Amino acid sequence: MAIVVTGASGLLGSALVEALRERGREVVRLVRREPRAADEAFWQPYEQVVDVSALEGAEAVVHLAGAPIAERRWSEAYRRELLNSRIEGTRVLVDALRRLSRPPEVLLSASGVDFYGDTGDRLVDESQGRGTGFLSDLCERWEAEARRAGEAGVRTVQARTGLALSRRGGALARILPIFRMGLGAPLGTGKQYWSWITLDDWVGAALHVLANRDVSGPVNFTAPGPVTNAEFTRALGKAMRRGTMPIPVPAFALTLGLGEFAREGLLPSHRLVPGKLTDSGYRFTHTGLDEALRAVL
């Protein structure tokens, strides 16, 4: 039976597809263009079109599609795109799953640590309620659409992903050139916590929850050792054998340059623990940031 993946060309999706195929699993990628390969099937969520033949009898569906959060400034038009690409896309996919005579056993749907809002220095697991702000509201509505698959008997998991560490893409790849020039610096006060996870562990966690029928609901896809932004800055500079700037980048400068994304995506604190992953027996490959960055770089 196949595992169907949306967002398969992204950082997380491409790594997961590669890992599944290495394990001999059949993968079908849902794409929003004319399929060009035998392992591709068409969907166009904005037109409410899904090739249900690709979903019928599938073992699992992994839903990772969504417009990039940090790709550009949040104009009103882009805020709508961020919402629609996640909420409407998930709604269309789940509606299709609910019509199947043989639905998948599990739906693993993406979400983010922004669900919690700013948690300060408190350690937070999946029992914590939602925070406030645009991203928190987006994650709540996103997850609500995914949960509807449970009405069709599909086990649902919402992967609340932290900062995914990889040289292949994502936030780390974007800031590496700055650190290579020795210009890395803490952001804002630097005291806000960043919850991170290596790409290898994200894939490992995804495979774990797909196979473990006891895991459902929201799951923190974060390593057990969150660090402050200042600690992250020092660790990355050390891993790259470069110095870092002693003066932090002021919050107002970040907001001026990046807009609302800086206020909601970079400056809030997320000090999370992966309660459900550890309780269900997942063993992280990378638990400390220094070791993780050495492995990634």
C-alpha atoms as a PDB file:
ATOM      1  CA  MET A   1       0.000   0.000   0.000  1.00  0.00           C
ATOM      2  CA  ALA A   2       1.236   3.464  -0.869  1.00  0.00           C
ATOM      3  CA  ILE A   3       2.016   6.433   1.320  1.00  0.00           C
ATOM      4  CA  VAL A   4       0.692   9.637  -0.263  1.00  0.00           C
ATOM      5  CA  VAL A   5       2.635  12.866   0.322  1.00  0.00           C
ATOM      6  CA  THR A   6       1.722  16.492  -0.389  1.00  0.00           C
ATOM      7  CA  GLY A   7       4.468  19.101  -0.334  1.00  0.00           C
ATOM      8  CA  ALA A   8       6.888  16.392  -1.458  1.00  0.00           C
ATOM      9  CA  SER A   9       9.241  18.871  -3.149  1.00  0.00           C
ATOM     10  CA  GLY A  10       9.870  20.859   0.040  1.00  0.00           C
ATOM     11  CA  LEU A  11      12.655  20.372   2.568  1.00  0.00           C
ATOM     12  CA  LEU A  12      10.728  18.047   4.854  1.00  0.00           C
ATOM     13  CA  GLY A  13       8.742  16.281   2.149  1.00  0.00           C
ATOM     14  CA  SER A  14      11.696  15.452  -0.088  1.00  0.00           C
ATOM     15  CA  ALA A  15      13.678  14.064   2.851  1.00  0.00           C
ATOM     16  CA  LEU A  16      10.747  11.920   3.976  1.00  0.00           C
ATOM     17  CA  VAL A  17      10.076  10.596   0.471  1.00  0.00           C
ATOM     18  CA  GLU A  18      13.757   9.642   0.149  1.00  0.00           C
ATOM     19  CA  ALA A  19      13.702   7.823   3.491  1.00  0.00           C
ATOM     20  CA  LEU A  20      10.511   5.937   2.664  1.00  0.00           C
ATOM     21  CA  ARG A  21      11.882   4.779  -0.666  1.00  0.00           C
ATOM     22  CA  GLU A  22      15.130   3.678   0.953  1.00  0.00           C
ATOM     23  CA  ARG A  23      12.960   1.424   3.114  1.00  0.00           C
ATOM     24  CA  GLY A  24      11.254  -0.051   0.069  1.00  0.00           C
ATOM     25  CA  ARG A  25       7.980   1.800   0.547  1.00  0.00           C
ATOM     26  CA  GLU A  26       5.775   2.885  -2.340  1.00  0.00           C
ATOM     27  CA  VAL A  27       5.249   6.669  -2.392  1.00  0.00           C
ATOM     28  CA  VAL A  28       2.747   8.712  -4.390  1.00  0.00           C
ATOM     29  CA  ARG A  29       3.381  12.459  -4.575  1.00  0.00           C
ATOM     30  CA  LEU A  30       0.406  14.762  -5.023  1.00  0.00           C
ATOM     31  CA  VAL A  31       1.434  17.585  -7.371  1.00  0.00           C
ATOM     32  CA  ARG A  32      -0.371  20.723  -8.558  1.00  0.00           C
ATOM     33  CA  ARG A  33       0.687  20.380 -12.200  1.00  0.00           C
ATOM     34  CA  GLU A  34       0.268  17.766 -14.893  1.00  0.00           C
ATOM     35  CA  PRO A  35       1.808  14.535 -13.484  1.00  0.00           C
ATOM     36  CA  ARG A  36       5.030  13.633 -15.287  1.00  0.00           C
ATOM     37  CA  ALA A  37       5.959  10.402 -13.522  1.00  0.00           C
ATOM     38  CA  ALA A  38       4.282   7.172 -12.509  1.00  0.00           C
ATOM     39  CA  ASP A  39       4.568   8.089  -8.819  1.00  0.00           C
ATOM     40  CA  GLU A  40       2.725  11.409  -9.210  1.00  0.00           C
ATOM     41  CA  ALA A  41      -0.991  12.183  -8.957  1.00  0.00           C
ATOM     42  CA  PHE A  42      -2.796  15.464  -9.517  1.00  0.00           C
ATOM     43  CA  TRP A  43      -4.445  17.718  -7.009  1.00  0.00           C
ATOM     44  CA  GLN A  44      -5.380  21.398  -7.144  1.00  0.00           C
ATOM     45  CA  PRO A  45      -6.768  22.469  -3.767  1.00  0.00           C
ATOM     46  CA  TYR A  46      -7.786  25.943  -4.929  1.00  0.00           C
ATOM     47  CA  GLU A  47     -10.061  24.250  -7.474  1.00  0.00           C
ATOM     48  CA  GLN A  48     -11.134  21.536  -4.994  1.00  0.00           C
ATOM     49  CA  VAL A  49      -9.714  18.799  -7.213  1.00  0.00           C
ATOM     50  CA  VAL A  50      -8.012  15.654  -5.890  1.00  0.00           C
ATOM     51  CA  ASP A  51      -7.225  12.407  -7.692  1.00  0.00           C
ATOM     52  CA  VAL A  52      -9.055  10.159  -5.225  1.00  0.00           C
ATOM     53  CA  SER A  53      -7.755   7.031  -6.957  1.00  0.00           C
ATOM     54  CA  ALA A  54      -4.336   7.842  -5.467  1.00  0.00           C
ATOM     55  CA  LEU A  55      -5.868   8.022  -1.974  1.00  0.00           C
ATOM     56  CA  GLU A  56      -8.162   4.980  -2.128  1.00  0.00           C
ATOM     57  CA  GLY A  57      -6.569   2.138  -0.176  1.00  0.00           C
ATOM     58  CA  ALA A  58      -3.460   4.138   0.727  1.00  0.00           C
ATOM     59  CA  GLU A  59      -1.728   3.162   3.959  1.00  0.00           C
ATOM     60  CA  ALA A  60      -1.066   6.743   5.078  1.00  0.00           C
ATOM     61  CA  VAL A  61      -1.251  10.352   3.929  1.00  0.00           C
ATOM     62  CA  VAL A  62       1.393  12.914   4.883  1.00  0.00           C
ATOM     63  CA  HIS A  63       0.199  16.475   4.297  1.00  0.00           C
ATOM     64  CA  LEU A  64       3.012  19.061   4.241  1.00  0.00           C
ATOM     65  CA  ALA A  65       1.861  21.533   1.583  1.00  0.00           C
ATOM     66  CA  GLY A  66       1.645  25.237   2.431  1.00  0.00           C
ATOM     67  CA  ALA A  67       3.044  28.603   1.347  1.00  0.00           C
ATOM     68  CA  PRO A  68       6.386  29.432   3.026  1.00  0.00           C
ATOM     69  CA  ILE A  69       6.000  31.486   6.200  1.00  0.00           C
ATOM     70  CA  ALA A  70       9.249  33.454   5.806  1.00  0.00           C
ATOM     71  CA  GLU A  71       9.308  33.775   2.023  1.00  0.00           C
ATOM     72  CA  ARG A  72       8.204  37.433   1.919  1.00  0.00           C
ATOM     73  CA  ARG A  73       6.676  40.248   3.915  1.00  0.00           C
ATOM     74  CA  TRP A  74       3.129  39.635   5.101  1.00  0.00           C
ATOM     75  CA  SER A  75       0.981  41.870   2.975  1.00  0.00           C
ATOM     76  CA  GLU A  76      -2.740  41.327   3.301  1.00  0.00           C
ATOM     77  CA  ALA A  77      -2.637  39.296   0.081  1.00  0.00           C
ATOM     78  CA  TYR A  78       0.176  37.077   1.366  1.00  0.00           C
ATOM     79  CA  ARG A  79      -1.534  36.586   4.717  1.00  0.00           C
ATOM     80  CA  ARG A  80      -4.533  35.250   2.772  1.00  0.00           C
ATOM     81  CA  GLU A  81      -2.216  32.951   0.814  1.00  0.00           C
ATOM     82  CA  LEU A  82      -0.664  31.631   4.026  1.00  0.00           C
ATOM     83  CA  LEU A  83      -4.120  30.889   5.400  1.00  0.00           C
ATOM     84  CA  ASN A  84      -5.691  29.488   2.244  1.00  0.00           C
ATOM     85  CA  SER A  85      -2.757  27.270   1.296  1.00  0.00           C
ATOM     86  CA  ARG A  86      -3.026  25.522   4.657  1.00  0.00           C
ATOM     87  CA  ILE A  87      -6.659  25.710   5.678  1.00  0.00           C
ATOM     88  CA  GLU A  88      -8.322  25.303   2.281  1.00  0.00           C
ATOM     89  CA  GLY A  89      -5.723  22.761   1.164  1.00  0.00           C
ATOM     90  CA  THR A  90      -6.255  20.641   4.277  1.00  0.00           C
ATOM     91  CA  ARG A  91     -10.040  20.958   3.985  1.00  0.00           C
ATOM     92  CA  VAL A  92     -10.049  19.741   0.380  1.00  0.00           C
ATOM     93  CA  LEU A  93      -7.738  16.831   1.190  1.00  0.00           C
ATOM     94  CA  VAL A  94      -9.722  15.740   4.257  1.00  0.00           C
ATOM     95  CA  ASP A  95     -13.017  16.026   2.377  1.00  0.00           C
ATOM     96  CA  ALA A  96     -11.565  13.616  -0.180  1.00  0.00           C
ATOM     97  CA  LEU A  97     -10.434  11.202   2.560  1.00  0.00           C
ATOM     98  CA  ARG A  98     -13.913  11.225   4.087  1.00  0.00           C
ATOM     99  CA  ARG A  99     -15.432  10.115   0.773  1.00  0.00           C
ATOM    100  CA  LEU A 100     -13.206   7.051   0.405  1.00  0.00           C
ATOM    101  CA  SER A 101     -14.502   3.534   0.861  1.00  0.00           C
ATOM    102  CA  ARG A 102     -11.012   2.501   2.070  1.00  0.00           C
ATOM    103  CA  PRO A 103      -9.495   5.528   3.827  1.00  0.00           C
ATOM    104  CA  PRO A 104      -5.885   5.515   5.045  1.00  0.00           C
ATOM    105  CA  GLU A 105      -5.034   4.349   8.547  1.00  0.00           C
ATOM    106  CA  VAL A 106      -3.310   7.627   9.449  1.00  0.00           C
ATOM    107  CA  LEU A 107      -3.057  11.257   8.367  1.00  0.00           C
ATOM    108  CA  LEU A 108       0.120  13.078   9.427  1.00  0.00           C
ATOM    109  CA  SER A 109      -0.519  16.779   8.870  1.00  0.00           C
ATOM    110  CA  ALA A 110       1.965  19.606   9.329  1.00  0.00           C
ATOM    111  CA  SER A 111       1.596  22.348  11.916  1.00  0.00           C
ATOM    112  CA  GLY A 112       4.027  24.582  13.796  1.00  0.00           C
ATOM    113  CA  VAL A 113       5.309  25.499  17.241  1.00  0.00           C
ATOM    114  CA  ASP A 114       3.751  28.926  16.643  1.00  0.00           C
ATOM    115  CA  PHE A 115       0.509  27.308  17.858  1.00  0.00           C
ATOM    116  CA  TYR A 116       1.635  28.043  21.427  1.00  0.00           C
ATOM    117  CA  GLY A 117       2.391  31.723  20.957  1.00  0.00           C
ATOM    118  CA  ASP A 118       5.099  33.161  23.211  1.00  0.00           C
ATOM    119  CA  THR A 119       5.720  30.666  26.046  1.00  0.00           C
ATOM    120  CA  GLY A 120       8.485  32.627  27.780  1.00  0.00           C
ATOM    121  CA  ASP A 121      10.881  30.419  29.748  1.00  0.00           C
ATOM    122  CA  ARG A 122       8.240  27.817  30.681  1.00  0.00           C
ATOM    123  CA  LEU A 123       8.766  24.240  29.479  1.00  0.00           C
ATOM    124  CA  VAL A 124       5.731  23.345  27.402  1.00  0.00           C
ATOM    125  CA  ASP A 125       4.442  19.991  26.136  1.00  0.00           C
ATOM    126  CA  GLU A 126       1.462  19.136  23.947  1.00  0.00           C
ATOM    127  CA  SER A 127      -1.032  19.712  26.755  1.00  0.00           C
ATOM    128  CA  GLN A 128      -0.471  23.479  26.574  1.00  0.00           C
ATOM    129  CA  GLY A 129      -3.303  25.455  24.966  1.00  0.00           C
ATOM    130  CA  ARG A 130      -2.976  27.816  22.008  1.00  0.00           C
ATOM    131  CA  GLY A 131      -1.453  31.261  22.216  1.00  0.00           C
ATOM    132  CA  THR A 132      -2.435  34.487  20.500  1.00  0.00           C
ATOM    133  CA  GLY A 133      -1.538  36.105  17.189  1.00  0.00           C
ATOM    134  CA  PHE A 134      -1.859  35.439  13.489  1.00  0.00           C
ATOM    135  CA  LEU A 135       0.372  32.334  13.416  1.00  0.00           C
ATOM    136  CA  SER A 136      -1.264  30.810  16.475  1.00  0.00           C
ATOM    137  CA  ASP A 137      -4.687  31.298  14.910  1.00  0.00           C
ATOM    138  CA  LEU A 138      -3.433  29.863  11.610  1.00  0.00           C
ATOM    139  CA  CYS A 139      -2.120  26.719  13.326  1.00  0.00           C
ATOM    140  CA  GLU A 140      -5.331  26.229  15.293  1.00  0.00           C
ATOM    141  CA  ARG A 141      -7.524  26.463  12.196  1.00  0.00           C
ATOM    142  CA  TRP A 142      -5.075  24.293  10.220  1.00  0.00           C
ATOM    143  CA  GLU A 143      -5.153  21.560  12.840  1.00  0.00           C
ATOM    144  CA  ALA A 144      -8.937  21.750  13.164  1.00  0.00           C
ATOM    145  CA  GLU A 145      -9.315  20.900   9.481  1.00  0.00           C
ATOM    146  CA  ALA A 146      -6.964  17.927   9.844  1.00  0.00           C
ATOM    147  CA  ARG A 147      -8.828  16.601  12.891  1.00  0.00           C
ATOM    148  CA  ARG A 148     -11.985  16.161  10.791  1.00  0.00           C
ATOM    149  CA  ALA A 149     -10.351  13.093   9.233  1.00  0.00           C
ATOM    150  CA  GLY A 150     -10.911  11.370  12.570  1.00  0.00           C
ATOM    151  CA  GLU A 151     -14.644  11.334  11.836  1.00  0.00           C
ATOM    152  CA  ALA A 152     -13.858   8.870   9.044  1.00  0.00           C
ATOM    153  CA  GLY A 153     -11.865   6.643  11.394  1.00  0.00           C
ATOM    154  CA  VAL A 154      -8.484   8.010  10.312  1.00  0.00           C
ATOM    155  CA  ARG A 155      -5.905   8.414  13.085  1.00  0.00           C
ATOM    156  CA  THR A 156      -4.715  11.999  12.849  1.00  0.00           C
ATOM    157  CA  VAL A 157      -1.376  13.458  13.959  1.00  0.00           C
ATOM    158  CA  GLN A 158      -0.477  17.157  13.819  1.00  0.00           C
ATOM    159  CA  ALA A 159       3.291  17.680  13.631  1.00  0.00           C
ATOM    160  CA  ARG A 160       4.097  20.923  15.467  1.00  0.00           C
ATOM    161  CA  THR A 161       7.519  21.437  13.927  1.00  0.00           C
ATOM    162  CA  GLY A 162      10.217  23.679  15.359  1.00  0.00           C
ATOM    163  CA  LEU A 163      13.290  25.058  13.582  1.00  0.00           C
ATOM    164  CA  ALA A 164      14.345  22.258  11.206  1.00  0.00           C
ATOM    165  CA  LEU A 165      18.139  22.176  10.913  1.00  0.00           C
ATOM    166  CA  SER A 166      19.499  21.338   7.461  1.00  0.00           C
ATOM    167  CA  ARG A 167      21.987  22.717   4.989  1.00  0.00           C
ATOM    168  CA  ARG A 168      19.572  21.756   2.213  1.00  0.00           C
ATOM    169  CA  GLY A 169      17.039  24.480   2.966  1.00  0.00           C
ATOM    170  CA  GLY A 170      14.903  26.139   5.573  1.00  0.00           C
ATOM    171  CA  ALA A 171      15.873  28.904   7.980  1.00  0.00           C
ATOM    172  CA  LEU A 172      19.352  27.538   8.779  1.00  0.00           C
ATOM    173  CA  ALA A 173      20.397  27.488   5.122  1.00  0.00           C
ATOM    174  CA  ARG A 174      19.286  31.123   4.777  1.00  0.00           C
ATOM    175  CA  ILE A 175      21.396  32.389   7.681  1.00  0.00           C
ATOM    176  CA  LEU A 176      24.564  30.383   6.968  1.00  0.00           C
ATOM    177  CA  PRO A 177      25.994  33.022   4.566  1.00  0.00           C
ATOM    178  CA  ILE A 178      25.631  35.671   7.286  1.00  0.00           C
ATOM    179  CA  PHE A 179      27.514  33.535   9.783  1.00  0.00           C
ATOM    180  CA  ARG A 180      30.217  32.689   7.233  1.00  0.00           C
ATOM    181  CA  MET A 181      30.976  36.413   7.095  1.00  0.00           C
ATOM    182  CA  GLY A 182      31.204  36.574  10.887  1.00  0.00           C
ATOM    183  CA  LEU A 183      28.069  38.730  11.073  1.00  0.00           C
ATOM    184  CA  GLY A 184      25.826  36.395  13.044  1.00  0.00           C
ATOM    185  CA  ALA A 185      24.218  38.057  16.054  1.00  0.00           C
ATOM    186  CA  PRO A 186      21.453  37.427  18.585  1.00  0.00           C
ATOM    187  CA  LEU A 187      17.998  38.662  17.590  1.00  0.00           C
ATOM    188  CA  GLY A 188      16.142  41.045  19.865  1.00  0.00           C
ATOM    189  CA  THR A 189      17.050  40.303  23.473  1.00  0.00           C
ATOM    190  CA  GLY A 190      18.406  36.879  22.505  1.00  0.00           C
ATOM    191  CA  LYS A 191      16.617  35.460  25.542  1.00  0.00           C
ATOM    192  CA  GLN A 192      13.749  33.909  23.568  1.00  0.00           C
ATOM    193  CA  TYR A 193      13.909  30.128  23.322  1.00  0.00           C
ATOM    194  CA  TRP A 194      14.199  28.383  19.979  1.00  0.00           C
ATOM    195  CA  SER A 195      12.985  24.792  19.750  1.00  0.00           C
ATOM    196  CA  TRP A 196      14.875  22.990  17.017  1.00  0.00           C
ATOM    197  CA  ILE A 197      15.114  19.551  15.417  1.00  0.00           C
ATOM    198  CA  THR A 198      17.549  18.122  12.882  1.00  0.00           C
ATOM    199  CA  LEU A 199      16.162  17.023   9.538  1.00  0.00           C
ATOM    200  CA  ASP A 200      17.249  13.459  10.300  1.00  0.00           C
ATOM    201  CA  ASP A 201      15.244  13.440  13.519  1.00  0.00           C
ATOM    202  CA  TRP A 202      12.240  15.070  11.866  1.00  0.00           C
ATOM    203  CA  VAL A 203      12.167  12.217   9.353  1.00  0.00           C
ATOM    204  CA  GLY A 204      12.751   9.674  12.112  1.00  0.00           C
ATOM    205  CA  ALA A 205       9.907  11.144  14.153  1.00  0.00           C
ATOM    206  CA  ALA A 206       7.577  11.097  11.132  1.00  0.00           C
ATOM    207  CA  LEU A 207       8.329   7.428  10.457  1.00  0.00           C
ATOM    208  CA  HIS A 208       7.822   6.711  14.161  1.00  0.00           C
ATOM    209  CA  VAL A 209       4.353   8.265  14.396  1.00  0.00           C
ATOM    210  CA  LEU A 210       3.242   6.732  11.101  1.00  0.00           C
ATOM    211  CA  ALA A 211       4.059   3.281  12.450  1.00  0.00           C
ATOM    212  CA  ASN A 212       2.943   3.791  16.068  1.00  0.00           C
ATOM    213  CA  ARG A 213      -0.826   3.466  16.358  1.00  0.00           C
ATOM    214  CA  ASP A 214      -0.801   4.753  19.927  1.00  0.00           C
ATOM    215  CA  VAL A 215       0.280   8.256  18.843  1.00  0.00           C
ATOM    216  CA  SER A 216      -2.379  10.731  17.796  1.00  0.00           C
ATOM    217  CA  GLY A 217      -3.260  14.404  18.080  1.00  0.00           C
ATOM    218  CA  PRO A 218      -0.669  17.187  18.325  1.00  0.00           C
ATOM    219  CA  VAL A 219       2.968  16.089  18.576  1.00  0.00           C
ATOM    220  CA  ASN A 220       5.910  18.424  19.187  1.00  0.00           C
ATOM    221  CA  PHE A 221       8.465  17.710  16.480  1.00  0.00           C
ATOM    222  CA  THR A 222      11.278  19.307  18.465  1.00  0.00           C
ATOM    223  CA  ALA A 223      14.463  18.026  20.085  1.00  0.00           C
ATOM    224  CA  PRO A 224      14.544  17.705  23.891  1.00  0.00           C
ATOM    225  CA  GLY A 225      17.092  20.534  24.317  1.00  0.00           C
ATOM    226  CA  PRO A 226      15.627  23.953  23.396  1.00  0.00           C
ATOM    227  CA  VAL A 227      18.098  26.843  23.676  1.00  0.00           C
ATOM    228  CA  THR A 228      17.894  30.612  23.753  1.00  0.00           C
ATOM    229  CA  ASN A 229      18.517  32.531  20.561  1.00  0.00           C
ATOM    230  CA  ALA A 230      21.770  33.858  22.055  1.00  0.00           C
ATOM    231  CA  GLU A 231      22.907  30.295  22.799  1.00  0.00           C
ATOM    232  CA  PHE A 232      21.942  29.228  19.288  1.00  0.00           C
ATOM    233  CA  THR A 233      23.960  32.120  17.829  1.00  0.00           C
ATOM    234  CA  ARG A 234      27.072  31.187  19.817  1.00  0.00           C
ATOM    235  CA  ALA A 235      26.720  27.492  18.979  1.00  0.00           C
ATOM    236  CA  LEU A 236      26.356  28.140  15.250  1.00  0.00           C
ATOM    237  CA  GLY A 237      29.315  30.519  15.206  1.00  0.00           C
ATOM    238  CA  LYS A 238      31.401  27.897  17.024  1.00  0.00           C
ATOM    239  CA  ALA A 239      30.318  25.119  14.664  1.00  0.00           C
ATOM    240  CA  MET A 240      31.307  27.266  11.677  1.00  0.00           C
ATOM    241  CA  ARG A 241      34.537  28.446  13.340  1.00  0.00           C
ATOM    242  CA  ARG A 242      33.481  32.032  12.950  1.00  0.00           C
ATOM    243  CA  GLY A 243      33.070  34.801  15.454  1.00  0.00           C
ATOM    244  CA  THR A 244      29.703  36.398  16.098  1.00  0.00           C
ATOM    245  CA  MET A 245      28.696  39.981  16.702  1.00  0.00           C
ATOM    246  CA  PRO A 246      28.410  40.937  20.409  1.00  0.00           C
ATOM    247  CA  ILE A 247      25.652  43.462  19.791  1.00  0.00           C
ATOM    248  CA  PRO A 248      22.199  41.957  19.154  1.00  0.00           C
ATOM    249  CA  VAL A 249      19.990  43.028  16.277  1.00  0.00           C
ATOM    250  CA  PRO A 250      17.305  45.237  17.876  1.00  0.00           C
ATOM    251  CA  ALA A 251      13.704  44.105  17.669  1.00  0.00           C
ATOM    252  CA  PHE A 252      12.672  47.328  15.947  1.00  0.00           C
ATOM    253  CA  ALA A 253      15.254  46.767  13.206  1.00  0.00           C
ATOM    254  CA  LEU A 254      14.013  43.218  12.626  1.00  0.00           C
ATOM    255  CA  THR A 255      10.433  44.430  12.456  1.00  0.00           C
ATOM    256  CA  LEU A 256      11.408  47.234  10.109  1.00  0.00           C
ATOM    257  CA  GLY A 257      13.173  44.808   7.785  1.00  0.00           C
ATOM    258  CA  LEU A 258      10.937  41.739   8.028  1.00  0.00           C
ATOM    259  CA  GLY A 259       7.613  43.109   9.191  1.00  0.00           C
ATOM    260  CA  GLU A 260       5.133  41.041  11.152  1.00  0.00           C
ATOM    261  CA  PHE A 261       7.076  37.823  10.566  1.00  0.00           C
ATOM    262  CA  ALA A 262       9.820  39.108  12.875  1.00  0.00           C
ATOM    263  CA  ARG A 263       7.328  39.831  15.665  1.00  0.00           C
ATOM    264  CA  GLU A 264       5.608  36.459  15.429  1.00  0.00           C
ATOM    265  CA  GLY A 265       8.210  34.165  13.890  1.00  0.00           C
ATOM    266  CA  LEU A 266      11.597  35.220  15.321  1.00  0.00           C
ATOM    267  CA  LEU A 267      11.072  37.081  18.590  1.00  0.00           C
ATOM    268  CA  PRO A 268       8.552  34.893  20.514  1.00  0.00           C
ATOM    269  CA  SER A 269       9.907  32.236  22.848  1.00  0.00           C
ATOM    270  CA  HIS A 270       9.132  28.547  22.281  1.00  0.00           C
ATOM    271  CA  ARG A 271      10.644  26.368  24.995  1.00  0.00           C
ATOM    272  CA  LEU A 272       9.071  23.050  24.089  1.00  0.00           C
ATOM    273  CA  VAL A 273       9.614  19.433  25.054  1.00  0.00           C
ATOM    274  CA  PRO A 274       8.679  16.502  22.774  1.00  0.00           C
ATOM    275  CA  GLY A 275       6.471  14.789  25.339  1.00  0.00           C
ATOM    276  CA  LYS A 276       4.562  12.441  23.047  1.00  0.00           C
ATOM    277  CA  LEU A 277       7.608  11.414  21.046  1.00  0.00           C
ATOM    278  CA  THR A 278       9.674  10.472  24.094  1.00  0.00           C
ATOM    279  CA  ASP A 279       6.737   8.865  25.919  1.00  0.00           C
ATOM    280  CA  SER A 280       5.996   6.668  22.877  1.00  0.00           C
ATOM    281  CA  GLY A 281       9.592   5.469  22.676  1.00  0.00           C
ATOM    282  CA  TYR A 282      11.187   7.620  19.990  1.00  0.00           C
ATOM    283  CA  ARG A 283      14.946   7.900  20.519  1.00  0.00           C
ATOM    284  CA  PHE A 284      16.478  11.065  19.144  1.00  0.00           C
ATOM    285  CA  THR A 285      19.688  10.877  17.146  1.00  0.00           C
ATOM    286  CA  HIS A 286      20.597  14.471  18.060  1.00  0.00           C
ATOM    287  CA  THR A 287      19.708  15.811  21.510  1.00  0.00           C
ATOM    288  CA  GLY A 288      22.323  18.538  22.034  1.00  0.00           C
ATOM    289  CA  LEU A 289      22.627  21.577  19.764  1.00  0.00           C
ATOM    290  CA  ASP A 290      26.441  21.599  19.490  1.00  0.00           C
ATOM    291  CA  GLU A 291      26.519  17.979  18.336  1.00  0.00           C
ATOM    292  CA  ALA A 292      23.521  18.502  16.074  1.00  0.00           C
ATOM    293  CA  LEU A 293      25.075  21.475  14.294  1.00  0.00           C
ATOM    294  CA  ARG A 294      28.339  19.579  13.775  1.00  0.00           C
ATOM    295  CA  ALA A 295      26.373  16.734  12.180  1.00  0.00           C
ATOM    296  CA  VAL A 296      24.301  19.069  10.001  1.00  0.00           C
ATOM    297  CA  LEU A 297      27.255  21.176   8.822  1.00  0.00           C
END
